[in-house]
Amino acid sequence: MAKFNAEPDKIRKSSMDIKGNARREWKMLEKIVTKESMKEDFKTEIAYTYLGTLLGRTYNELLEA
């Protein structure tokens, strides 16, 4: 993930729709982070999929980072 540390603005911009509401992908990532912090199970692949959508990156690019 270090490769993507330079992209916080891109994440912020892509996490909101044109009305300023959080996009579905962002909301789902929030749920995953909450699960992780509560030591609950979650599917890493799904988290990468949502993150990839927000970053405009493929699943494989995220795995390689």
PDB file of N, CA and C in Angstrom:
ATOM      1  N   MET A   1       0.802  -1.195   0.000  1.00  0.00           N
ATOM      2  CA  MET A   1       0.000   0.000   0.000  1.00  0.00           C
ATOM      3  C   MET A   1       0.849   1.265   0.000  1.00  0.00           C
ATOM      4  N   ALA A   2       2.125   1.158   0.297  1.00  0.00           N
ATOM      5  CA  ALA A   2       2.984   2.333   0.319  1.00  0.00           C
ATOM      6  C   ALA A   2       2.971   3.062  -1.018  1.00  0.00           C
ATOM      7  N   LYS A   3       2.801   2.314  -2.070  1.00  0.00           N
ATOM      8  CA  LYS A   3       2.759   2.888  -3.416  1.00  0.00           C
ATOM      9  C   LYS A   3       1.625   3.902  -3.551  1.00  0.00           C
ATOM     10  N   PHE A   4       0.562   3.731  -2.768  1.00  0.00           N
ATOM     11  CA  PHE A   4      -0.608   4.586  -2.894  1.00  0.00           C
ATOM     12  C   PHE A   4      -0.683   5.683  -1.839  1.00  0.00           C
ATOM     13  N   ASN A   5       0.343   5.847  -1.037  1.00  0.00           N
ATOM     14  CA  ASN A   5       0.329   6.884  -0.007  1.00  0.00           C
ATOM     15  C   ASN A   5       0.243   8.286  -0.583  1.00  0.00           C
ATOM     16  N   ALA A   6       0.636   8.463  -1.823  1.00  0.00           N
ATOM     17  CA  ALA A   6       0.608   9.776  -2.448  1.00  0.00           C
ATOM     18  C   ALA A   6      -0.760  10.107  -3.036  1.00  0.00           C
ATOM     19  N   GLU A   7      -1.768   9.297  -2.786  1.00  0.00           N
ATOM     20  CA  GLU A   7      -3.047   9.484  -3.438  1.00  0.00           C
ATOM     21  C   GLU A   7      -4.208   9.846  -2.503  1.00  0.00           C
ATOM     22  N   PRO A   8      -3.967  10.507  -1.367  1.00  0.00           N
ATOM     23  CA  PRO A   8      -5.103  10.800  -0.475  1.00  0.00           C
ATOM     24  C   PRO A   8      -6.138  11.723  -1.094  1.00  0.00           C
ATOM     25  N   ASP A   9      -5.702  12.688  -1.898  1.00  0.00           N
ATOM     26  CA  ASP A   9      -6.672  13.582  -2.542  1.00  0.00           C
ATOM     27  C   ASP A   9      -7.545  12.824  -3.529  1.00  0.00           C
ATOM     28  N   LYS A  10      -6.923  11.895  -4.241  1.00  0.00           N
ATOM     29  CA  LYS A  10      -7.682  11.088  -5.199  1.00  0.00           C
ATOM     30  C   LYS A  10      -8.730  10.249  -4.466  1.00  0.00           C
ATOM     31  N   ILE A  11      -8.351   9.689  -3.336  1.00  0.00           N
ATOM     32  CA  ILE A  11      -9.288   8.891  -2.551  1.00  0.00           C
ATOM     33  C   ILE A  11     -10.420   9.770  -2.042  1.00  0.00           C
ATOM     34  N   ARG A  12     -10.063  10.925  -1.505  1.00  0.00           N
ATOM     35  CA  ARG A  12     -11.086  11.841  -0.971  1.00  0.00           C
ATOM     36  C   ARG A  12     -12.066  12.248  -2.068  1.00  0.00           C
ATOM     37  N   LYS A  13     -11.545  12.639  -3.226  1.00  0.00           N
ATOM     38  CA  LYS A  13     -12.409  13.081  -4.326  1.00  0.00           C
ATOM     39  C   LYS A  13     -13.271  11.955  -4.866  1.00  0.00           C
ATOM     40  N   SER A  14     -12.702  10.779  -4.991  1.00  0.00           N
ATOM     41  CA  SER A  14     -13.466   9.674  -5.571  1.00  0.00           C
ATOM     42  C   SER A  14     -14.399   9.009  -4.565  1.00  0.00           C
ATOM     43  N   SER A  15     -14.279   9.357  -3.294  1.00  0.00           N
ATOM     44  CA  SER A  15     -15.153   8.762  -2.287  1.00  0.00           C
ATOM     45  C   SER A  15     -16.498   9.476  -2.196  1.00  0.00           C
ATOM     46  N   MET A  16     -16.629  10.616  -2.861  1.00  0.00           N
ATOM     47  CA  MET A  16     -17.869  11.390  -2.809  1.00  0.00           C
ATOM     48  C   MET A  16     -18.492  11.496  -4.200  1.00  0.00           C
ATOM     49  N   ASP A  17     -19.823  11.530  -4.232  1.00  0.00           N
ATOM     50  CA  ASP A  17     -20.499  11.749  -5.508  1.00  0.00           C
ATOM     51  C   ASP A  17     -20.580  13.254  -5.773  1.00  0.00           C
ATOM     52  N   ILE A  18     -21.223  13.634  -6.869  1.00  0.00           N
ATOM     53  CA  ILE A  18     -21.260  15.059  -7.239  1.00  0.00           C
ATOM     54  C   ILE A  18     -22.042  15.912  -6.241  1.00  0.00           C
ATOM     55  N   LYS A  19     -22.874  15.289  -5.439  1.00  0.00           N
ATOM     56  CA  LYS A  19     -23.633  16.012  -4.418  1.00  0.00           C
ATOM     57  C   LYS A  19     -22.910  16.057  -3.083  1.00  0.00           C
ATOM     58  N   GLY A  20     -21.732  15.440  -3.023  1.00  0.00           N
ATOM     59  CA  GLY A  20     -20.963  15.442  -1.788  1.00  0.00           C
ATOM     60  C   GLY A  20     -21.313  14.318  -0.827  1.00  0.00           C
ATOM     61  N   ASN A  21     -22.116  13.383  -1.290  1.00  0.00           N
ATOM     62  CA  ASN A  21     -22.485  12.234  -0.459  1.00  0.00           C
ATOM     63  C   ASN A  21     -21.460  11.118  -0.638  1.00  0.00           C
ATOM     64  N   ALA A  22     -21.253  10.364   0.416  1.00  0.00           N
ATOM     65  CA  ALA A  22     -20.309   9.251   0.341  1.00  0.00           C
ATOM     66  C   ALA A  22     -20.817   8.202  -0.648  1.00  0.00           C
ATOM     67  N   ARG A  23     -19.906   7.743  -1.500  1.00  0.00           N
ATOM     68  CA  ARG A  23     -20.249   6.694  -2.463  1.00  0.00           C
ATOM     69  C   ARG A  23     -20.367   5.351  -1.754  1.00  0.00           C
ATOM     70  N   ARG A  24     -21.048   4.437  -2.394  1.00  0.00           N
ATOM     71  CA  ARG A  24     -21.272   3.102  -1.845  1.00  0.00           C
ATOM     72  C   ARG A  24     -19.956   2.428  -1.477  1.00  0.00           C
ATOM     73  N   GLU A  25     -18.949   2.538  -2.352  1.00  0.00           N
ATOM     74  CA  GLU A  25     -17.658   1.903  -2.098  1.00  0.00           C
ATOM     75  C   GLU A  25     -17.021   2.433  -0.814  1.00  0.00           C
ATOM     76  N   TRP A  26     -17.153   3.718  -0.586  1.00  0.00           N
ATOM     77  CA  TRP A  26     -16.590   4.319   0.621  1.00  0.00           C
ATOM     78  C   TRP A  26     -17.307   3.799   1.865  1.00  0.00           C
ATOM     79  N   LYS A  27     -18.632   3.747   1.782  1.00  0.00           N
ATOM     80  CA  LYS A  27     -19.413   3.249   2.909  1.00  0.00           C
ATOM     81  C   LYS A  27     -19.061   1.799   3.224  1.00  0.00           C
ATOM     82  N   MET A  28     -18.870   1.004   2.185  1.00  0.00           N
ATOM     83  CA  MET A  28     -18.526  -0.401   2.397  1.00  0.00           C
ATOM     84  C   MET A  28     -17.128  -0.526   3.016  1.00  0.00           C
ATOM     85  N   LEU A  29     -16.185   0.307   2.572  1.00  0.00           N
ATOM     86  CA  LEU A  29     -14.853   0.293   3.185  1.00  0.00           C
ATOM     87  C   LEU A  29     -14.917   0.696   4.659  1.00  0.00           C
ATOM     88  N   GLU A  30     -15.764   1.666   4.977  1.00  0.00           N
ATOM     89  CA  GLU A  30     -15.932   2.061   6.376  1.00  0.00           C
ATOM     90  C   GLU A  30     -16.407   0.878   7.217  1.00  0.00           C
ATOM     91  N   LYS A  31     -17.352   0.111   6.686  1.00  0.00           N
ATOM     92  CA  LYS A  31     -17.849  -1.061   7.405  1.00  0.00           C
ATOM     93  C   LYS A  31     -16.738  -2.084   7.617  1.00  0.00           C
ATOM     94  N   ILE A  32     -15.914  -2.273   6.598  1.00  0.00           N
ATOM     95  CA  ILE A  32     -14.813  -3.231   6.702  1.00  0.00           C
ATOM     96  C   ILE A  32     -13.807  -2.776   7.747  1.00  0.00           C
ATOM     97  N   VAL A  33     -13.474  -1.491   7.754  1.00  0.00           N
ATOM     98  CA  VAL A  33     -12.528  -0.960   8.748  1.00  0.00           C
ATOM     99  C   VAL A  33     -13.093  -1.118  10.147  1.00  0.00           C
ATOM    100  N   THR A  34     -14.381  -0.887  10.303  1.00  0.00           N
ATOM    101  CA  THR A  34     -15.022  -1.070  11.602  1.00  0.00           C
ATOM    102  C   THR A  34     -14.934  -2.529  12.032  1.00  0.00           C
ATOM    103  N   LYS A  35     -15.220  -3.437  11.106  1.00  0.00           N
ATOM    104  CA  LYS A  35     -15.112  -4.864  11.422  1.00  0.00           C
ATOM    105  C   LYS A  35     -13.694  -5.218  11.847  1.00  0.00           C
ATOM    106  N   GLU A  36     -12.725  -4.705  11.112  1.00  0.00           N
ATOM    107  CA  GLU A  36     -11.328  -5.004  11.427  1.00  0.00           C
ATOM    108  C   GLU A  36     -10.969  -4.491  12.823  1.00  0.00           C
ATOM    109  N   SER A  37     -11.399  -3.292  13.141  1.00  0.00           N
ATOM    110  CA  SER A  37     -11.069  -2.721  14.449  1.00  0.00           C
ATOM    111  C   SER A  37     -11.734  -3.481  15.592  1.00  0.00           C
ATOM    112  N   MET A  38     -12.834  -4.156  15.295  1.00  0.00           N
ATOM    113  CA  MET A  38     -13.536  -4.941  16.308  1.00  0.00           C
ATOM    114  C   MET A  38     -13.112  -6.411  16.254  1.00  0.00           C
ATOM    115  N   LYS A  39     -12.040  -6.670  15.505  1.00  0.00           N
ATOM    116  CA  LYS A  39     -11.490  -8.030  15.381  1.00  0.00           C
ATOM    117  C   LYS A  39     -12.476  -9.014  14.756  1.00  0.00           C
ATOM    118  N   GLU A  40     -13.379  -8.497  13.924  1.00  0.00           N
ATOM    119  CA  GLU A  40     -14.330  -9.352  13.217  1.00  0.00           C
ATOM    120  C   GLU A  40     -13.739  -9.768  11.873  1.00  0.00           C
ATOM    121  N   ASP A  41     -14.208 -10.873  11.352  1.00  0.00           N
ATOM    122  CA  ASP A  41     -13.736 -11.348  10.055  1.00  0.00           C
ATOM    123  C   ASP A  41     -14.317 -10.512   8.924  1.00  0.00           C
ATOM    124  N   PHE A  42     -13.539 -10.356   7.887  1.00  0.00           N
ATOM    125  CA  PHE A  42     -13.985  -9.706   6.657  1.00  0.00           C
ATOM    126  C   PHE A  42     -13.161 -10.284   5.515  1.00  0.00           C
ATOM    127  N   LYS A  43     -13.654 -10.120   4.315  1.00  0.00           N
ATOM    128  CA  LYS A  43     -12.959 -10.660   3.149  1.00  0.00           C
ATOM    129  C   LYS A  43     -12.035  -9.592   2.571  1.00  0.00           C
ATOM    130  N   THR A  44     -10.751  -9.869   2.627  1.00  0.00           N
ATOM    131  CA  THR A  44      -9.747  -8.937   2.128  1.00  0.00           C
ATOM    132  C   THR A  44      -9.968  -8.627   0.654  1.00  0.00           C
ATOM    133  N   GLU A  45     -10.351  -9.626  -0.114  1.00  0.00           N
ATOM    134  CA  GLU A  45     -10.563  -9.440  -1.545  1.00  0.00           C
ATOM    135  C   GLU A  45     -11.637  -8.390  -1.821  1.00  0.00           C
ATOM    136  N   ILE A  46     -12.669  -8.400  -1.009  1.00  0.00           N
ATOM    137  CA  ILE A  46     -13.745  -7.422  -1.183  1.00  0.00           C
ATOM    138  C   ILE A  46     -13.243  -6.022  -0.843  1.00  0.00           C
ATOM    139  N   ALA A  47     -12.450  -5.908   0.218  1.00  0.00           N
ATOM    140  CA  ALA A  47     -11.882  -4.608   0.585  1.00  0.00           C
ATOM    141  C   ALA A  47     -11.015  -4.072  -0.549  1.00  0.00           C
ATOM    142  N   TYR A  48     -10.187  -4.927  -1.137  1.00  0.00           N
ATOM    143  CA  TYR A  48      -9.352  -4.503  -2.266  1.00  0.00           C
ATOM    144  C   TYR A  48     -10.194  -4.081  -3.464  1.00  0.00           C
ATOM    145  N   THR A  49     -11.304  -4.750  -3.671  1.00  0.00           N
ATOM    146  CA  THR A  49     -12.176  -4.397  -4.792  1.00  0.00           C
ATOM    147  C   THR A  49     -12.751  -2.993  -4.607  1.00  0.00           C
ATOM    148  N   TYR A  50     -13.253  -2.703  -3.412  1.00  0.00           N
ATOM    149  CA  TYR A  50     -13.789  -1.363  -3.152  1.00  0.00           C
ATOM    150  C   TYR A  50     -12.699  -0.305  -3.242  1.00  0.00           C
ATOM    151  N   LEU A  51     -11.548  -0.582  -2.661  1.00  0.00           N
ATOM    152  CA  LEU A  51     -10.438   0.367  -2.719  1.00  0.00           C
ATOM    153  C   LEU A  51      -9.982   0.586  -4.152  1.00  0.00           C
ATOM    154  N   GLY A  52      -9.908  -0.485  -4.919  1.00  0.00           N
ATOM    155  CA  GLY A  52      -9.520  -0.371  -6.324  1.00  0.00           C
ATOM    156  C   GLY A  52     -10.472   0.497  -7.114  1.00  0.00           C
ATOM    157  N   THR A  53     -11.753   0.379  -6.825  1.00  0.00           N
ATOM    158  CA  THR A  53     -12.748   1.217  -7.505  1.00  0.00           C
ATOM    159  C   THR A  53     -12.507   2.690  -7.194  1.00  0.00           C
ATOM    160  N   LEU A  54     -12.243   2.991  -5.933  1.00  0.00           N
ATOM    161  CA  LEU A  54     -12.005   4.384  -5.541  1.00  0.00           C
ATOM    162  C   LEU A  54     -10.711   4.939  -6.132  1.00  0.00           C
ATOM    163  N   LEU A  55      -9.677   4.095  -6.220  1.00  0.00           N
ATOM    164  CA  LEU A  55      -8.383   4.545  -6.727  1.00  0.00           C
ATOM    165  C   LEU A  55      -8.260   4.456  -8.239  1.00  0.00           C
ATOM    166  N   GLY A  56      -9.181   3.760  -8.867  1.00  0.00           N
ATOM    167  CA  GLY A  56      -9.060   3.541 -10.303  1.00  0.00           C
ATOM    168  C   GLY A  56      -7.937   2.561 -10.606  1.00  0.00           C
ATOM    169  N   ARG A  57      -7.740   1.604  -9.724  1.00  0.00           N
ATOM    170  CA  ARG A  57      -6.684   0.589  -9.863  1.00  0.00           C
ATOM    171  C   ARG A  57      -7.322  -0.786  -9.931  1.00  0.00           C
ATOM    172  N   THR A  58      -6.617  -1.701 -10.544  1.00  0.00           N
ATOM    173  CA  THR A  58      -7.115  -3.065 -10.607  1.00  0.00           C
ATOM    174  C   THR A  58      -6.795  -3.795  -9.306  1.00  0.00           C
ATOM    175  N   TYR A  59      -7.473  -4.885  -9.123  1.00  0.00           N
ATOM    176  CA  TYR A  59      -7.229  -5.739  -7.969  1.00  0.00           C
ATOM    177  C   TYR A  59      -5.767  -6.178  -7.950  1.00  0.00           C
ATOM    178  N   ASN A  60      -5.252  -6.578  -9.094  1.00  0.00           N
ATOM    179  CA  ASN A  60      -3.857  -7.034  -9.179  1.00  0.00           C
ATOM    180  C   ASN A  60      -2.869  -5.920  -8.846  1.00  0.00           C
ATOM    181  N   GLU A  61      -3.146  -4.697  -9.272  1.00  0.00           N
ATOM    182  CA  GLU A  61      -2.267  -3.572  -8.933  1.00  0.00           C
ATOM    183  C   GLU A  61      -2.209  -3.356  -7.416  1.00  0.00           C
ATOM    184  N   LEU A  62      -3.344  -3.525  -6.761  1.00  0.00           N
ATOM    185  CA  LEU A  62      -3.359  -3.370  -5.308  1.00  0.00           C
ATOM    186  C   LEU A  62      -2.595  -4.493  -4.630  1.00  0.00           C
ATOM    187  N   LEU A  63      -2.709  -5.690  -5.153  1.00  0.00           N
ATOM    188  CA  LEU A  63      -1.960  -6.813  -4.573  1.00  0.00           C
ATOM    189  C   LEU A  63      -0.458  -6.628  -4.717  1.00  0.00           C
ATOM    190  N   GLU A  64      -0.035  -6.032  -5.819  1.00  0.00           N
ATOM    191  CA  GLU A  64       1.390  -5.830  -6.076  1.00  0.00           C
ATOM    192  C   GLU A  64       1.978  -4.687  -5.255  1.00  0.00           C
ATOM    193  N   ALA A  65       1.119  -3.800  -4.756  1.00  0.00           N
ATOM    194  CA  ALA A  65       1.609  -2.622  -4.026  1.00  0.00           C
ATOM    195  C   ALA A  65       2.130  -2.977  -2.662  1.00  0.00           C
TER     196      ALA A  65
END
